[in-house]
Amino acid sequence: MRTNKVCFNCGSSSFVSDRSLGGKIVCSKCGSSSFKNKSSSFLKSKKLIFFAIAIAIFIIII
C-alpha cells in the first residue's frame, strides 16, 4: 500500500530520486528531502470548523 506524502516545505506531492545523493528521494519542485504524511482527517476537521463558523455567523445575522 502506498502512503500519501507531501513536501514539508512547499506542499508538493511530486518526488524524484536524486542520483547525485545516492538515490535519496527529494521534492521535484523545491529540492527538499523532508516530507510528511498527508492527513485527510485534518482537512475534514478544518472544513467542519469553517462550516460551524459560517452557521454561527448566519444565526447572529438573523
Protein backbone atom coordinates (compact mmCIF):
# COMPACT_ATOMS: atom_id res chain seq x y z
CA MET A 1 0.00 0.00 0.00
CA ARG A 2 1.36 3.41 -0.95
CA THR A 3 1.31 6.21 1.59
CA ASN A 4 0.44 9.73 0.53
CA LYS A 5 3.34 12.05 1.30
CA VAL A 6 3.77 15.75 0.68
CA CYS A 7 6.80 18.02 0.85
CA PHE A 8 7.17 19.74 4.21
CA ASN A 9 8.39 22.99 2.61
CA CYS A 10 6.20 23.55 -0.46
CA GLY A 11 3.36 21.01 -0.11
CA SER A 12 4.05 19.31 -3.44
CA SER A 13 3.40 15.61 -3.86
CA SER A 14 5.81 15.03 -6.75
CA PHE A 15 9.12 13.43 -5.80
CA VAL A 16 12.16 12.19 -7.70
CA SER A 17 15.14 10.03 -6.87
CA ASP A 18 18.28 12.18 -6.91
CA ARG A 19 21.17 10.19 -8.35
CA SER A 20 23.82 12.57 -7.01
CA LEU A 21 22.62 11.90 -3.45
CA GLY A 22 22.72 8.12 -3.83
CA GLY A 23 19.07 7.67 -4.78
CA LYS A 24 17.66 9.75 -1.95
CA ILE A 25 14.07 10.87 -2.57
CA VAL A 26 13.72 14.66 -2.95
CA CYS A 27 10.94 17.04 -3.93
CA SER A 28 10.97 17.82 -7.64
CA LYS A 29 9.84 21.44 -7.11
CA CYS A 30 11.98 22.73 -4.24
CA GLY A 31 14.64 20.00 -3.80
CA SER A 32 13.90 19.40 -0.13
CA SER A 33 14.26 15.92 1.33
CA SER A 34 11.83 16.42 4.23
CA PHE A 35 8.27 15.22 3.81
CA LYS A 36 5.24 14.45 5.90
CA ASN A 37 2.21 12.21 5.52
CA LYS A 38 -0.86 13.82 4.02
CA SER A 39 -3.63 13.84 6.58
CA SER A 40 -7.13 13.77 5.17
CA SER A 41 -8.73 13.85 8.62
CA PHE A 42 -7.16 17.29 9.26
CA LEU A 43 -8.71 18.63 6.07
CA LYS A 44 -12.12 17.25 7.03
CA SER A 45 -11.96 18.75 10.51
CA LYS A 46 -10.84 22.09 9.06
CA LYS A 47 -13.85 22.13 6.73
CA LEU A 48 -16.10 21.25 9.66
CA ILE A 49 -14.77 24.18 11.69
CA PHE A 50 -15.38 26.63 8.82
CA PHE A 51 -18.88 25.23 8.36
CA ALA A 52 -19.64 25.70 12.07
CA ILE A 53 -18.34 29.27 11.97
CA ALA A 54 -20.47 30.02 8.90
CA ILE A 55 -23.59 28.69 10.64
CA ALA A 56 -22.82 30.74 13.76
CA ILE A 57 -22.41 33.93 11.69
CA PHE A 58 -25.63 33.18 9.83
CA ILE A 59 -27.53 32.77 13.12
CA ILE A 60 -26.08 36.01 14.51
CA ILE A 61 -27.10 37.94 11.38
CA ILE A 62 -30.67 36.66 11.56
